[in-house]
N, C-alpha and C. Protein backbone atom coordinates (compact mmCIF):
# COMPACT_ATOMS: atom_id res chain seq x y z
N MET A 1 9.83 -18.63 -30.80
CA MET A 1 9.55 -18.12 -29.47
C MET A 1 10.86 -17.78 -28.77
N MET A 2 10.81 -16.77 -27.93
CA MET A 2 11.99 -16.37 -27.20
C MET A 2 12.36 -17.47 -26.18
N THR A 3 13.66 -17.71 -26.07
CA THR A 3 14.13 -18.63 -25.04
C THR A 3 14.06 -17.93 -23.69
N LYS A 4 14.17 -18.70 -22.62
CA LYS A 4 14.16 -18.09 -21.29
C LYS A 4 15.37 -17.17 -21.12
N GLU A 5 16.48 -17.52 -21.73
CA GLU A 5 17.67 -16.67 -21.67
C GLU A 5 17.41 -15.32 -22.35
N GLU A 6 16.71 -15.36 -23.49
CA GLU A 6 16.38 -14.11 -24.19
C GLU A 6 15.41 -13.25 -23.37
N VAL A 7 14.48 -13.89 -22.69
CA VAL A 7 13.56 -13.15 -21.83
C VAL A 7 14.34 -12.52 -20.68
N THR A 8 15.29 -13.25 -20.12
CA THR A 8 16.14 -12.71 -19.05
C THR A 8 16.90 -11.50 -19.56
N GLU A 9 17.47 -11.58 -20.76
CA GLU A 9 18.19 -10.45 -21.36
C GLU A 9 17.26 -9.25 -21.55
N LEU A 10 16.02 -9.50 -21.97
CA LEU A 10 15.04 -8.42 -22.14
C LEU A 10 14.82 -7.71 -20.81
N PHE A 11 14.60 -8.47 -19.75
CA PHE A 11 14.36 -7.86 -18.44
C PHE A 11 15.60 -7.12 -17.94
N ASP A 12 16.77 -7.68 -18.17
CA ASP A 12 18.00 -6.98 -17.79
C ASP A 12 18.12 -5.65 -18.54
N ASN A 13 17.79 -5.67 -19.84
CA ASN A 13 17.86 -4.47 -20.67
C ASN A 13 16.86 -3.41 -20.18
N ILE A 14 15.64 -3.85 -19.86
CA ILE A 14 14.64 -2.91 -19.35
C ILE A 14 15.12 -2.30 -18.03
N ALA A 15 15.63 -3.13 -17.14
CA ALA A 15 16.07 -2.65 -15.83
C ALA A 15 17.21 -1.64 -15.97
N GLU A 16 18.09 -1.86 -16.95
CA GLU A 16 19.25 -0.99 -17.12
C GLU A 16 18.95 0.27 -17.94
N ASN A 17 18.04 0.18 -18.90
CA ASN A 17 17.89 1.25 -19.88
C ASN A 17 16.54 1.95 -19.93
N ALA A 18 15.52 1.38 -19.34
CA ALA A 18 14.19 1.99 -19.42
C ALA A 18 13.79 2.51 -18.03
N PRO A 19 13.09 3.62 -18.00
CA PRO A 19 12.68 4.19 -16.72
C PRO A 19 11.37 3.60 -16.20
N TRP A 20 11.16 2.31 -16.41
CA TRP A 20 9.91 1.68 -16.03
C TRP A 20 10.09 0.86 -14.76
N ASP A 21 9.09 0.86 -13.92
CA ASP A 21 9.08 0.07 -12.71
C ASP A 21 8.50 -1.30 -13.06
N LEU A 22 9.34 -2.32 -13.04
CA LEU A 22 8.92 -3.66 -13.43
C LEU A 22 7.97 -4.31 -12.42
N THR A 23 7.75 -3.66 -11.28
CA THR A 23 6.79 -4.19 -10.31
C THR A 23 5.39 -3.63 -10.55
N GLN A 24 5.27 -2.71 -11.51
CA GLN A 24 3.98 -2.11 -11.86
C GLN A 24 3.55 -2.61 -13.24
N PRO A 25 2.24 -2.53 -13.55
CA PRO A 25 1.79 -2.98 -14.87
C PRO A 25 2.46 -2.20 -16.00
N LEU A 26 2.85 -2.93 -17.02
CA LEU A 26 3.34 -2.35 -18.27
C LEU A 26 2.39 -2.80 -19.37
N LEU A 27 2.47 -2.14 -20.50
CA LEU A 27 1.62 -2.49 -21.64
C LEU A 27 2.38 -3.47 -22.52
N TRP A 28 1.95 -4.72 -22.48
CA TRP A 28 2.59 -5.78 -23.26
C TRP A 28 1.81 -6.00 -24.54
N GLY A 29 2.49 -5.91 -25.68
CA GLY A 29 1.89 -6.15 -26.98
C GLY A 29 2.28 -7.54 -27.47
N TYR A 30 1.34 -8.26 -28.04
CA TYR A 30 1.57 -9.61 -28.53
C TYR A 30 1.12 -9.69 -29.99
N TYR A 31 1.86 -10.43 -30.81
CA TYR A 31 1.66 -10.45 -32.26
C TYR A 31 1.47 -11.88 -32.77
N PHE A 32 0.54 -12.01 -33.71
CA PHE A 32 0.26 -13.28 -34.36
C PHE A 32 0.23 -13.05 -35.86
N THR A 33 0.61 -14.06 -36.64
CA THR A 33 0.58 -13.94 -38.09
C THR A 33 -0.22 -15.07 -38.71
N ASN A 34 -0.70 -14.79 -39.92
CA ASN A 34 -1.44 -15.79 -40.69
C ASN A 34 -1.53 -15.30 -42.13
N PRO A 35 -1.63 -16.23 -43.10
CA PRO A 35 -1.73 -15.79 -44.50
C PRO A 35 -3.06 -15.13 -44.86
N THR A 36 -4.11 -15.36 -44.05
CA THR A 36 -5.41 -14.74 -44.30
C THR A 36 -5.90 -14.08 -43.01
N PRO A 37 -6.74 -13.05 -43.10
CA PRO A 37 -7.15 -12.34 -41.89
C PRO A 37 -8.26 -13.02 -41.09
N GLU A 38 -9.04 -13.90 -41.69
CA GLU A 38 -10.22 -14.44 -41.01
C GLU A 38 -9.89 -15.16 -39.70
N ALA A 39 -8.89 -16.02 -39.72
CA ALA A 39 -8.52 -16.75 -38.51
C ALA A 39 -7.99 -15.80 -37.43
N LEU A 40 -7.32 -14.73 -37.85
CA LEU A 40 -6.83 -13.74 -36.90
C LEU A 40 -7.98 -12.96 -36.27
N GLU A 41 -9.00 -12.66 -37.07
CA GLU A 41 -10.18 -11.98 -36.53
C GLU A 41 -10.86 -12.84 -35.47
N GLN A 42 -10.97 -14.12 -35.75
CA GLN A 42 -11.57 -15.05 -34.78
C GLN A 42 -10.68 -15.13 -33.53
N ALA A 43 -9.38 -15.21 -33.71
CA ALA A 43 -8.45 -15.28 -32.57
C ALA A 43 -8.55 -14.02 -31.72
N ALA A 44 -8.72 -12.86 -32.36
CA ALA A 44 -8.84 -11.61 -31.62
C ALA A 44 -10.05 -11.65 -30.69
N GLY A 45 -11.14 -12.23 -31.16
CA GLY A 45 -12.33 -12.35 -30.32
C GLY A 45 -12.12 -13.25 -29.12
N VAL A 46 -11.43 -14.36 -29.34
CA VAL A 46 -11.13 -15.28 -28.24
C VAL A 46 -10.20 -14.61 -27.24
N LEU A 47 -9.18 -13.93 -27.74
CA LEU A 47 -8.23 -13.26 -26.85
C LEU A 47 -8.91 -12.14 -26.06
N ALA A 48 -9.86 -11.45 -26.67
CA ALA A 48 -10.58 -10.37 -25.98
C ALA A 48 -11.32 -10.91 -24.77
N ILE A 49 -11.85 -12.10 -24.86
CA ILE A 49 -12.53 -12.73 -23.72
C ILE A 49 -11.55 -12.90 -22.56
N ASP A 50 -10.28 -13.13 -22.87
CA ASP A 50 -9.25 -13.32 -21.85
C ASP A 50 -8.58 -12.01 -21.43
N GLY A 51 -9.17 -10.87 -21.84
CA GLY A 51 -8.66 -9.59 -21.37
C GLY A 51 -7.65 -8.90 -22.27
N TYR A 52 -7.38 -9.46 -23.44
CA TYR A 52 -6.47 -8.80 -24.39
C TYR A 52 -7.28 -7.80 -25.22
N ARG A 53 -6.69 -6.66 -25.48
CA ARG A 53 -7.36 -5.64 -26.29
C ARG A 53 -6.82 -5.70 -27.71
N PRO A 54 -7.68 -6.02 -28.69
CA PRO A 54 -7.21 -5.97 -30.08
C PRO A 54 -6.80 -4.55 -30.44
N VAL A 55 -5.63 -4.41 -31.04
CA VAL A 55 -5.11 -3.09 -31.42
C VAL A 55 -5.22 -2.89 -32.91
N GLU A 56 -4.75 -3.88 -33.67
CA GLU A 56 -4.68 -3.69 -35.12
C GLU A 56 -4.57 -5.04 -35.81
N LEU A 57 -5.22 -5.14 -36.95
CA LEU A 57 -5.07 -6.26 -37.88
C LEU A 57 -4.63 -5.63 -39.18
N TYR A 58 -3.43 -5.97 -39.63
CA TYR A 58 -2.89 -5.29 -40.80
C TYR A 58 -2.07 -6.24 -41.66
N GLN A 59 -1.85 -5.80 -42.88
CA GLN A 59 -1.02 -6.53 -43.83
C GLN A 59 0.23 -5.69 -44.08
N PRO A 60 1.37 -6.09 -43.52
CA PRO A 60 2.58 -5.27 -43.67
C PRO A 60 3.14 -5.37 -45.08
N GLU A 61 3.88 -4.34 -45.46
CA GLU A 61 4.62 -4.41 -46.72
C GLU A 61 5.78 -5.36 -46.54
N LEU A 62 5.95 -6.25 -47.50
CA LEU A 62 7.03 -7.22 -47.43
C LEU A 62 8.18 -6.78 -48.32
N GLU A 63 9.40 -7.02 -47.86
CA GLU A 63 10.58 -6.65 -48.64
C GLU A 63 10.65 -7.47 -49.92
N ASP A 64 10.25 -8.73 -49.84
CA ASP A 64 10.28 -9.62 -50.99
C ASP A 64 8.90 -9.63 -51.64
N ALA A 65 8.78 -8.99 -52.80
CA ALA A 65 7.49 -8.89 -53.47
C ALA A 65 6.93 -10.25 -53.86
N ALA A 66 7.79 -11.25 -53.98
CA ALA A 66 7.34 -12.58 -54.36
C ALA A 66 6.90 -13.41 -53.15
N ALA A 67 7.11 -12.90 -51.95
CA ALA A 67 6.74 -13.64 -50.74
C ALA A 67 5.22 -13.74 -50.64
N PRO A 68 4.73 -14.84 -50.07
CA PRO A 68 3.28 -14.95 -49.90
C PRO A 68 2.76 -13.89 -48.94
N PRO A 69 1.50 -13.49 -49.10
CA PRO A 69 0.95 -12.45 -48.23
C PRO A 69 0.90 -12.92 -46.78
N VAL A 70 0.99 -11.97 -45.87
CA VAL A 70 0.88 -12.26 -44.45
C VAL A 70 0.06 -11.16 -43.77
N TRP A 71 -0.74 -11.56 -42.81
CA TRP A 71 -1.51 -10.63 -41.99
C TRP A 71 -0.98 -10.71 -40.58
N VAL A 72 -1.05 -9.60 -39.85
CA VAL A 72 -0.55 -9.53 -38.48
C VAL A 72 -1.67 -9.03 -37.58
N LEU A 73 -1.88 -9.73 -36.46
CA LEU A 73 -2.79 -9.30 -35.41
C LEU A 73 -1.96 -8.82 -34.23
N HIS A 74 -2.21 -7.60 -33.77
CA HIS A 74 -1.55 -7.04 -32.60
C HIS A 74 -2.61 -6.88 -31.52
N VAL A 75 -2.38 -7.52 -30.36
CA VAL A 75 -3.22 -7.34 -29.19
C VAL A 75 -2.35 -6.87 -28.04
N GLU A 76 -2.96 -6.29 -27.02
CA GLU A 76 -2.16 -5.84 -25.88
C GLU A 76 -2.92 -6.06 -24.59
N LYS A 77 -2.14 -6.05 -23.50
CA LYS A 77 -2.71 -6.27 -22.18
C LYS A 77 -1.80 -5.63 -21.16
N GLU A 78 -2.40 -4.94 -20.18
CA GLU A 78 -1.62 -4.38 -19.08
C GLU A 78 -1.36 -5.50 -18.09
N GLU A 79 -0.07 -5.77 -17.84
CA GLU A 79 0.30 -6.87 -16.95
C GLU A 79 1.60 -6.56 -16.25
N VAL A 80 1.79 -7.22 -15.12
CA VAL A 80 3.09 -7.24 -14.44
C VAL A 80 3.71 -8.59 -14.77
N HIS A 81 4.92 -8.57 -15.28
CA HIS A 81 5.62 -9.82 -15.59
C HIS A 81 6.99 -9.82 -14.95
N ASN A 82 7.47 -11.03 -14.72
CA ASN A 82 8.87 -11.27 -14.42
C ASN A 82 9.36 -12.26 -15.47
N VAL A 83 10.60 -12.67 -15.38
CA VAL A 83 11.15 -13.57 -16.40
C VAL A 83 10.30 -14.82 -16.54
N ASP A 84 9.97 -15.44 -15.42
CA ASP A 84 9.23 -16.71 -15.48
C ASP A 84 7.81 -16.52 -16.02
N SER A 85 7.13 -15.47 -15.59
CA SER A 85 5.74 -15.29 -16.04
C SER A 85 5.68 -14.91 -17.52
N LEU A 86 6.64 -14.09 -18.00
CA LEU A 86 6.63 -13.74 -19.42
C LEU A 86 7.01 -14.94 -20.28
N HIS A 87 7.97 -15.72 -19.81
CA HIS A 87 8.34 -16.93 -20.55
C HIS A 87 7.13 -17.88 -20.63
N ALA A 88 6.40 -18.01 -19.52
CA ALA A 88 5.20 -18.85 -19.52
C ALA A 88 4.13 -18.27 -20.45
N ARG A 89 3.94 -16.94 -20.43
CA ARG A 89 2.94 -16.30 -21.30
C ARG A 89 3.28 -16.55 -22.77
N ASN A 90 4.56 -16.42 -23.12
CA ASN A 90 4.96 -16.69 -24.50
C ASN A 90 4.62 -18.12 -24.88
N GLY A 91 4.84 -19.06 -23.98
CA GLY A 91 4.50 -20.46 -24.26
C GLY A 91 3.00 -20.65 -24.43
N GLU A 92 2.21 -19.99 -23.59
CA GLU A 92 0.75 -20.07 -23.69
C GLU A 92 0.28 -19.51 -25.03
N LEU A 93 0.84 -18.39 -25.44
CA LEU A 93 0.40 -17.78 -26.70
C LEU A 93 0.88 -18.57 -27.91
N GLN A 94 2.03 -19.21 -27.79
CA GLN A 94 2.50 -20.10 -28.86
C GLN A 94 1.52 -21.27 -29.01
N GLN A 95 1.11 -21.83 -27.88
CA GLN A 95 0.15 -22.93 -27.91
C GLN A 95 -1.20 -22.45 -28.44
N PHE A 96 -1.63 -21.26 -28.04
CA PHE A 96 -2.89 -20.69 -28.54
C PHE A 96 -2.84 -20.57 -30.06
N ALA A 97 -1.73 -20.05 -30.60
CA ALA A 97 -1.60 -19.91 -32.05
C ALA A 97 -1.72 -21.27 -32.74
N SER A 98 -1.10 -22.28 -32.15
CA SER A 98 -1.18 -23.62 -32.72
C SER A 98 -2.61 -24.15 -32.68
N GLU A 99 -3.27 -23.98 -31.54
CA GLU A 99 -4.65 -24.46 -31.40
C GLU A 99 -5.60 -23.74 -32.35
N GLN A 100 -5.35 -22.46 -32.61
CA GLN A 100 -6.19 -21.67 -33.52
C GLN A 100 -5.79 -21.87 -34.99
N LYS A 101 -4.75 -22.67 -35.20
CA LYS A 101 -4.23 -22.95 -36.54
C LYS A 101 -3.75 -21.68 -37.25
N LEU A 102 -3.11 -20.80 -36.46
CA LEU A 102 -2.49 -19.60 -37.02
C LEU A 102 -1.09 -19.95 -37.49
N ALA A 103 -0.56 -19.16 -38.39
CA ALA A 103 0.79 -19.42 -38.89
C ALA A 103 1.82 -19.31 -37.78
N SER A 104 1.66 -18.29 -36.89
CA SER A 104 2.64 -18.16 -35.81
C SER A 104 2.17 -17.21 -34.72
N TYR A 105 2.77 -17.40 -33.55
CA TYR A 105 2.81 -16.37 -32.52
C TYR A 105 4.15 -15.72 -32.78
N ASP A 106 4.13 -14.42 -33.07
CA ASP A 106 5.32 -13.76 -33.59
C ASP A 106 6.06 -12.93 -32.55
N GLY A 107 5.70 -13.09 -31.26
CA GLY A 107 6.45 -12.41 -30.22
C GLY A 107 5.72 -11.24 -29.61
N MET A 108 6.47 -10.44 -28.84
CA MET A 108 5.86 -9.39 -28.05
C MET A 108 6.74 -8.16 -28.02
N ASP A 109 6.14 -7.08 -27.52
CA ASP A 109 6.87 -5.86 -27.24
C ASP A 109 6.31 -5.29 -25.95
N VAL A 110 6.92 -4.23 -25.45
CA VAL A 110 6.51 -3.69 -24.16
C VAL A 110 6.74 -2.18 -24.13
N GLY A 111 5.90 -1.52 -23.37
CA GLY A 111 6.04 -0.09 -23.16
C GLY A 111 5.29 0.31 -21.91
N PRO A 112 5.41 1.56 -21.52
CA PRO A 112 4.68 2.02 -20.34
C PRO A 112 3.19 2.11 -20.64
N VAL A 113 2.37 1.95 -19.62
CA VAL A 113 0.93 2.10 -19.76
C VAL A 113 0.65 3.54 -20.17
N GLY A 114 -0.23 3.71 -21.15
CA GLY A 114 -0.60 5.06 -21.58
C GLY A 114 0.28 5.62 -22.66
N ALA A 115 1.23 4.82 -23.19
CA ALA A 115 2.12 5.28 -24.27
C ALA A 115 2.22 4.16 -25.29
N PRO A 116 2.61 4.48 -26.52
CA PRO A 116 2.80 3.44 -27.53
C PRO A 116 3.84 2.44 -27.07
N THR A 117 3.66 1.16 -27.43
CA THR A 117 4.63 0.12 -27.08
C THR A 117 5.85 0.22 -27.98
N LEU A 118 6.96 -0.32 -27.50
CA LEU A 118 8.21 -0.31 -28.26
C LEU A 118 8.37 -1.57 -29.05
């Protein structure tokens, strides 16, 4: 999980380099991993109840062919965040992944509403 300092750096980077208004909703993408897709499918349903939109459940190509398989769930939500609220959200999603017995909460990305996330 990102430290609060890393979240602060992210917000500083957005403020300096992206043409986005941080006081308006942005499209926040959140990622979870697991060795099998079934638990991720169930997690997507639970997250949808909380307003997250499931985007994709996929199995990425791994650089190490001998590595165990992994599945990734990508969900997104339009939200306004500041350093404290995003740090708290990351903690909530980390706890959610643990409660759902997923391999990990793998972090987030952000982009403007109506465009692909970065």
